[in-house]
Amino acid sequence: MHRVTDCKASRDYTLWLKFEDGLEGSVFLGNLLDLGPFSAWRDVDQFCRAAVDTEAATVVWDGGIQFDPDILYQDLLSSRVPREFNAPGVSPGG
């Protein structure tokens, strides 16, 4: 199980996360605003109250909202583009 050690919510509905193994980055959660439990986040101040529950090792909000830390971890990993494909003069497959 991956453990969230730090987080910071921004007014643009991005959530910066840091995990115990050092992985860090941001995920966009604004696409959840139309789903029932997340509608409270339309008040961006509510979204910005994100905190780390050290016992559960994940991010939590008022009202009982929390995310599985493994899902957040995988979301961060999947949003990363391999650096070798961004290096000048290097193209995929060639």
N, C-alpha and C. Protein backbone atom coordinates (compact mmCIF):
# COMPACT_ATOMS: atom_id res chain seq x y z
N MET A 1 0.84 -1.19 0.00
CA MET A 1 0.00 0.00 0.00
C MET A 1 0.88 1.24 0.00
N HIS A 2 0.54 2.19 -0.85
CA HIS A 2 1.25 3.46 -0.92
C HIS A 2 0.69 4.40 0.14
N ARG A 3 1.58 5.23 0.69
CA ARG A 3 1.18 6.12 1.77
C ARG A 3 1.41 7.58 1.37
N VAL A 4 0.35 8.39 1.44
CA VAL A 4 0.47 9.82 1.20
C VAL A 4 1.06 10.46 2.45
N THR A 5 2.10 11.29 2.26
CA THR A 5 2.73 11.95 3.41
C THR A 5 2.49 13.45 3.43
N ASP A 6 2.09 14.03 2.29
CA ASP A 6 1.85 15.47 2.24
C ASP A 6 0.92 15.77 1.07
N CYS A 7 0.18 16.86 1.17
CA CYS A 7 -0.70 17.27 0.08
C CYS A 7 -0.95 18.77 0.17
N LYS A 8 -1.33 19.32 -0.97
CA LYS A 8 -1.74 20.73 -1.02
C LYS A 8 -2.75 20.87 -2.15
N ALA A 9 -3.93 21.34 -1.79
CA ALA A 9 -4.99 21.58 -2.77
C ALA A 9 -4.91 23.02 -3.25
N SER A 10 -5.10 23.20 -4.56
CA SER A 10 -5.05 24.53 -5.16
C SER A 10 -6.43 24.95 -5.65
N ARG A 11 -6.59 26.24 -5.83
CA ARG A 11 -7.90 26.79 -6.23
C ARG A 11 -8.31 26.39 -7.64
N ASP A 12 -7.39 25.82 -8.41
CA ASP A 12 -7.73 25.35 -9.76
C ASP A 12 -8.10 23.87 -9.76
N TYR A 13 -8.38 23.34 -8.58
CA TYR A 13 -8.81 21.94 -8.38
C TYR A 13 -7.72 20.93 -8.71
N THR A 14 -6.49 21.35 -8.56
CA THR A 14 -5.40 20.37 -8.62
C THR A 14 -4.98 20.05 -7.20
N LEU A 15 -4.54 18.84 -7.04
CA LEU A 15 -4.10 18.35 -5.74
C LEU A 15 -2.67 17.85 -5.88
N TRP A 16 -1.73 18.52 -5.21
CA TRP A 16 -0.34 18.09 -5.20
C TRP A 16 -0.20 17.06 -4.08
N LEU A 17 0.48 15.96 -4.40
CA LEU A 17 0.66 14.86 -3.45
C LEU A 17 2.11 14.47 -3.35
N LYS A 18 2.49 14.02 -2.19
CA LYS A 18 3.81 13.42 -1.99
C LYS A 18 3.60 12.09 -1.29
N PHE A 19 4.26 11.06 -1.80
CA PHE A 19 4.15 9.72 -1.24
C PHE A 19 5.41 9.36 -0.47
N GLU A 20 5.26 8.37 0.39
CA GLU A 20 6.34 7.92 1.27
C GLU A 20 7.60 7.54 0.50
N ASP A 21 7.45 7.01 -0.72
CA ASP A 21 8.63 6.60 -1.49
C ASP A 21 9.25 7.75 -2.28
N GLY A 22 8.71 8.97 -2.12
CA GLY A 22 9.27 10.14 -2.78
C GLY A 22 8.54 10.57 -4.04
N LEU A 23 7.66 9.74 -4.59
CA LEU A 23 6.89 10.15 -5.76
C LEU A 23 6.04 11.35 -5.39
N GLU A 24 6.05 12.36 -6.24
CA GLU A 24 5.21 13.52 -6.01
C GLU A 24 4.74 14.07 -7.34
N GLY A 25 3.63 14.77 -7.29
CA GLY A 25 3.06 15.37 -8.48
C GLY A 25 1.63 15.80 -8.21
N SER A 26 0.99 16.29 -9.26
CA SER A 26 -0.36 16.83 -9.12
C SER A 26 -1.36 16.05 -9.95
N VAL A 27 -2.58 15.97 -9.42
CA VAL A 27 -3.71 15.38 -10.14
C VAL A 27 -4.81 16.42 -10.19
N PHE A 28 -5.56 16.41 -11.28
CA PHE A 28 -6.69 17.33 -11.44
C PHE A 28 -7.96 16.62 -11.00
N LEU A 29 -8.70 17.24 -10.08
CA LEU A 29 -9.92 16.63 -9.56
C LEU A 29 -11.18 17.45 -9.88
N GLY A 30 -11.03 18.50 -10.65
CA GLY A 30 -12.16 19.35 -10.99
C GLY A 30 -13.23 18.64 -11.80
N ASN A 31 -12.87 17.55 -12.46
CA ASN A 31 -13.84 16.80 -13.25
C ASN A 31 -14.83 16.04 -12.37
N LEU A 32 -14.63 16.05 -11.07
CA LEU A 32 -15.52 15.33 -10.15
C LEU A 32 -16.65 16.22 -9.60
N LEU A 33 -16.63 17.51 -9.90
CA LEU A 33 -17.56 18.47 -9.28
C LEU A 33 -19.03 18.14 -9.52
N ASP A 34 -19.34 17.48 -10.62
CA ASP A 34 -20.74 17.17 -10.93
C ASP A 34 -21.23 15.88 -10.29
N LEU A 35 -20.35 15.16 -9.62
CA LEU A 35 -20.74 13.92 -8.95
C LEU A 35 -21.18 14.25 -7.53
N GLY A 36 -22.29 13.66 -7.11
CA GLY A 36 -22.93 13.94 -5.82
C GLY A 36 -22.03 14.28 -4.65
N PRO A 37 -21.18 13.36 -4.20
CA PRO A 37 -20.40 13.63 -2.99
C PRO A 37 -19.41 14.78 -3.14
N PHE A 38 -19.04 15.10 -4.37
CA PHE A 38 -18.01 16.11 -4.60
C PHE A 38 -18.60 17.48 -4.91
N SER A 39 -19.91 17.61 -4.96
CA SER A 39 -20.53 18.88 -5.32
C SER A 39 -20.20 19.98 -4.30
N ALA A 40 -19.89 19.61 -3.07
CA ALA A 40 -19.49 20.60 -2.06
C ALA A 40 -18.22 21.33 -2.47
N TRP A 41 -17.43 20.70 -3.34
CA TRP A 41 -16.19 21.32 -3.79
C TRP A 41 -16.43 22.49 -4.73
N ARG A 42 -17.67 22.70 -5.16
CA ARG A 42 -17.95 23.89 -5.98
C ARG A 42 -17.57 25.14 -5.19
N ASP A 43 -17.64 25.03 -3.87
CA ASP A 43 -17.06 26.05 -2.99
C ASP A 43 -15.58 25.68 -2.89
N VAL A 44 -14.76 26.37 -3.66
CA VAL A 44 -13.35 25.99 -3.77
C VAL A 44 -12.64 25.97 -2.41
N ASP A 45 -13.13 26.76 -1.46
CA ASP A 45 -12.54 26.74 -0.13
C ASP A 45 -12.70 25.37 0.53
N GLN A 46 -13.82 24.71 0.24
CA GLN A 46 -14.02 23.35 0.76
C GLN A 46 -12.97 22.40 0.16
N PHE A 47 -12.74 22.51 -1.14
CA PHE A 47 -11.74 21.67 -1.79
C PHE A 47 -10.35 21.92 -1.19
N CYS A 48 -10.04 23.17 -0.93
CA CYS A 48 -8.72 23.54 -0.43
C CYS A 48 -8.47 23.10 1.01
N ARG A 49 -9.47 22.53 1.66
CA ARG A 49 -9.30 22.02 3.03
C ARG A 49 -8.77 20.59 3.07
N ALA A 50 -8.24 20.13 1.98
CA ALA A 50 -7.67 18.78 1.94
C ALA A 50 -6.59 18.64 3.00
N ALA A 51 -6.52 17.46 3.59
CA ALA A 51 -5.53 17.18 4.63
C ALA A 51 -5.12 15.72 4.53
N VAL A 52 -3.97 15.40 5.09
CA VAL A 52 -3.53 14.01 5.13
C VAL A 52 -3.99 13.39 6.44
N ASP A 53 -4.68 12.28 6.34
CA ASP A 53 -5.01 11.46 7.50
C ASP A 53 -3.84 10.51 7.68
N THR A 54 -3.03 10.75 8.70
CA THR A 54 -1.80 9.96 8.87
C THR A 54 -2.09 8.49 9.18
N GLU A 55 -3.20 8.22 9.82
CA GLU A 55 -3.55 6.84 10.13
C GLU A 55 -3.95 6.07 8.87
N ALA A 56 -4.77 6.69 8.03
CA ALA A 56 -5.20 6.06 6.79
C ALA A 56 -4.19 6.26 5.66
N ALA A 57 -3.24 7.18 5.85
CA ALA A 57 -2.19 7.48 4.88
C ALA A 57 -2.75 7.92 3.53
N THR A 58 -3.82 8.74 3.59
CA THR A 58 -4.41 9.26 2.36
C THR A 58 -4.94 10.66 2.59
N VAL A 59 -5.48 11.25 1.52
CA VAL A 59 -6.03 12.59 1.57
C VAL A 59 -7.50 12.50 1.96
N VAL A 60 -7.92 13.41 2.84
CA VAL A 60 -9.31 13.45 3.29
C VAL A 60 -9.82 14.88 3.26
N TRP A 61 -11.15 14.99 3.19
CA TRP A 61 -11.85 16.28 3.24
C TRP A 61 -12.98 16.16 4.24
N ASP A 62 -13.49 17.32 4.65
CA ASP A 62 -14.69 17.36 5.48
C ASP A 62 -15.80 16.60 4.77
N GLY A 63 -16.68 15.99 5.54
CA GLY A 63 -17.78 15.24 4.96
C GLY A 63 -17.44 13.79 4.65
N GLY A 64 -16.23 13.37 5.02
CA GLY A 64 -15.86 11.97 4.85
C GLY A 64 -15.29 11.59 3.51
N ILE A 65 -15.02 12.57 2.64
CA ILE A 65 -14.44 12.24 1.34
C ILE A 65 -12.98 11.86 1.53
N GLN A 66 -12.61 10.72 0.93
CA GLN A 66 -11.21 10.30 0.91
C GLN A 66 -10.99 9.44 -0.32
N PHE A 67 -9.74 9.35 -0.73
CA PHE A 67 -9.38 8.55 -1.89
C PHE A 67 -8.45 7.43 -1.48
N ASP A 68 -8.55 6.32 -2.18
CA ASP A 68 -7.63 5.21 -1.98
C ASP A 68 -6.24 5.69 -2.41
N PRO A 69 -5.23 5.62 -1.52
CA PRO A 69 -3.91 6.12 -1.89
C PRO A 69 -3.29 5.37 -3.07
N ASP A 70 -3.63 4.11 -3.25
CA ASP A 70 -3.09 3.35 -4.39
C ASP A 70 -3.64 3.88 -5.71
N ILE A 71 -4.90 4.32 -5.72
CA ILE A 71 -5.50 4.90 -6.92
C ILE A 71 -4.81 6.23 -7.25
N LEU A 72 -4.60 7.06 -6.24
CA LEU A 72 -3.90 8.32 -6.46
C LEU A 72 -2.49 8.08 -6.98
N TYR A 73 -1.81 7.11 -6.44
CA TYR A 73 -0.45 6.79 -6.85
C TYR A 73 -0.43 6.37 -8.32
N GLN A 74 -1.34 5.48 -8.69
CA GLN A 74 -1.41 5.02 -10.08
C GLN A 74 -1.77 6.17 -11.02
N ASP A 75 -2.64 7.08 -10.56
CA ASP A 75 -3.01 8.23 -11.37
C ASP A 75 -1.79 9.11 -11.65
N LEU A 76 -0.97 9.31 -10.63
CA LEU A 76 0.26 10.09 -10.83
C LEU A 76 1.19 9.39 -11.80
N LEU A 77 1.37 8.10 -11.62
CA LEU A 77 2.27 7.35 -12.52
C LEU A 77 1.79 7.40 -13.96
N SER A 78 0.50 7.26 -14.17
CA SER A 78 -0.02 7.21 -15.54
C SER A 78 0.01 8.58 -16.21
N SER A 79 0.10 9.65 -15.44
CA SER A 79 0.13 10.98 -16.03
C SER A 79 1.54 11.41 -16.42
N ARG A 80 2.53 10.61 -16.08
CA ARG A 80 3.91 10.96 -16.40
C ARG A 80 4.28 10.47 -17.79
N VAL A 81 4.99 11.30 -18.52
CA VAL A 81 5.49 10.93 -19.84
C VAL A 81 6.95 10.54 -19.66
N PRO A 82 7.35 9.41 -20.22
CA PRO A 82 8.76 9.01 -20.07
C PRO A 82 9.70 10.11 -20.54
N ARG A 83 10.69 10.41 -19.72
CA ARG A 83 11.61 11.50 -20.03
C ARG A 83 12.39 11.27 -21.32
N GLU A 84 12.72 10.04 -21.63
CA GLU A 84 13.52 9.80 -22.82
C GLU A 84 12.80 10.25 -24.09
N PHE A 85 11.47 10.31 -24.08
CA PHE A 85 10.74 10.76 -25.25
C PHE A 85 10.65 12.29 -25.31
N ASN A 86 11.05 12.94 -24.24
CA ASN A 86 11.04 14.40 -24.22
C ASN A 86 12.43 14.97 -24.43
N ALA A 87 13.43 14.11 -24.47
CA ALA A 87 14.80 14.59 -24.60
C ALA A 87 15.03 15.13 -26.01
N PRO A 88 15.72 16.27 -26.13
CA PRO A 88 16.02 16.84 -27.45
C PRO A 88 16.77 15.83 -28.31
N GLY A 89 16.36 15.70 -29.55
CA GLY A 89 17.05 14.82 -30.49
C GLY A 89 16.69 13.36 -30.38
N VAL A 90 15.77 13.02 -29.49
CA VAL A 90 15.38 11.62 -29.33
C VAL A 90 13.90 11.50 -29.70
N SER A 91 13.59 10.54 -30.56
CA SER A 91 12.19 10.34 -30.91
C SER A 91 11.81 8.91 -30.63
N PRO A 92 10.56 8.66 -30.30
CA PRO A 92 10.12 7.29 -30.01
C PRO A 92 10.35 6.39 -31.22
N GLY A 93 10.89 5.23 -30.93
CA GLY A 93 11.09 4.21 -31.97
C GLY A 93 12.24 4.50 -32.90
N GLY A 94 13.03 5.51 -32.63
CA GLY A 94 14.06 5.78 -33.58
C GLY A 94 15.30 6.20 -32.95
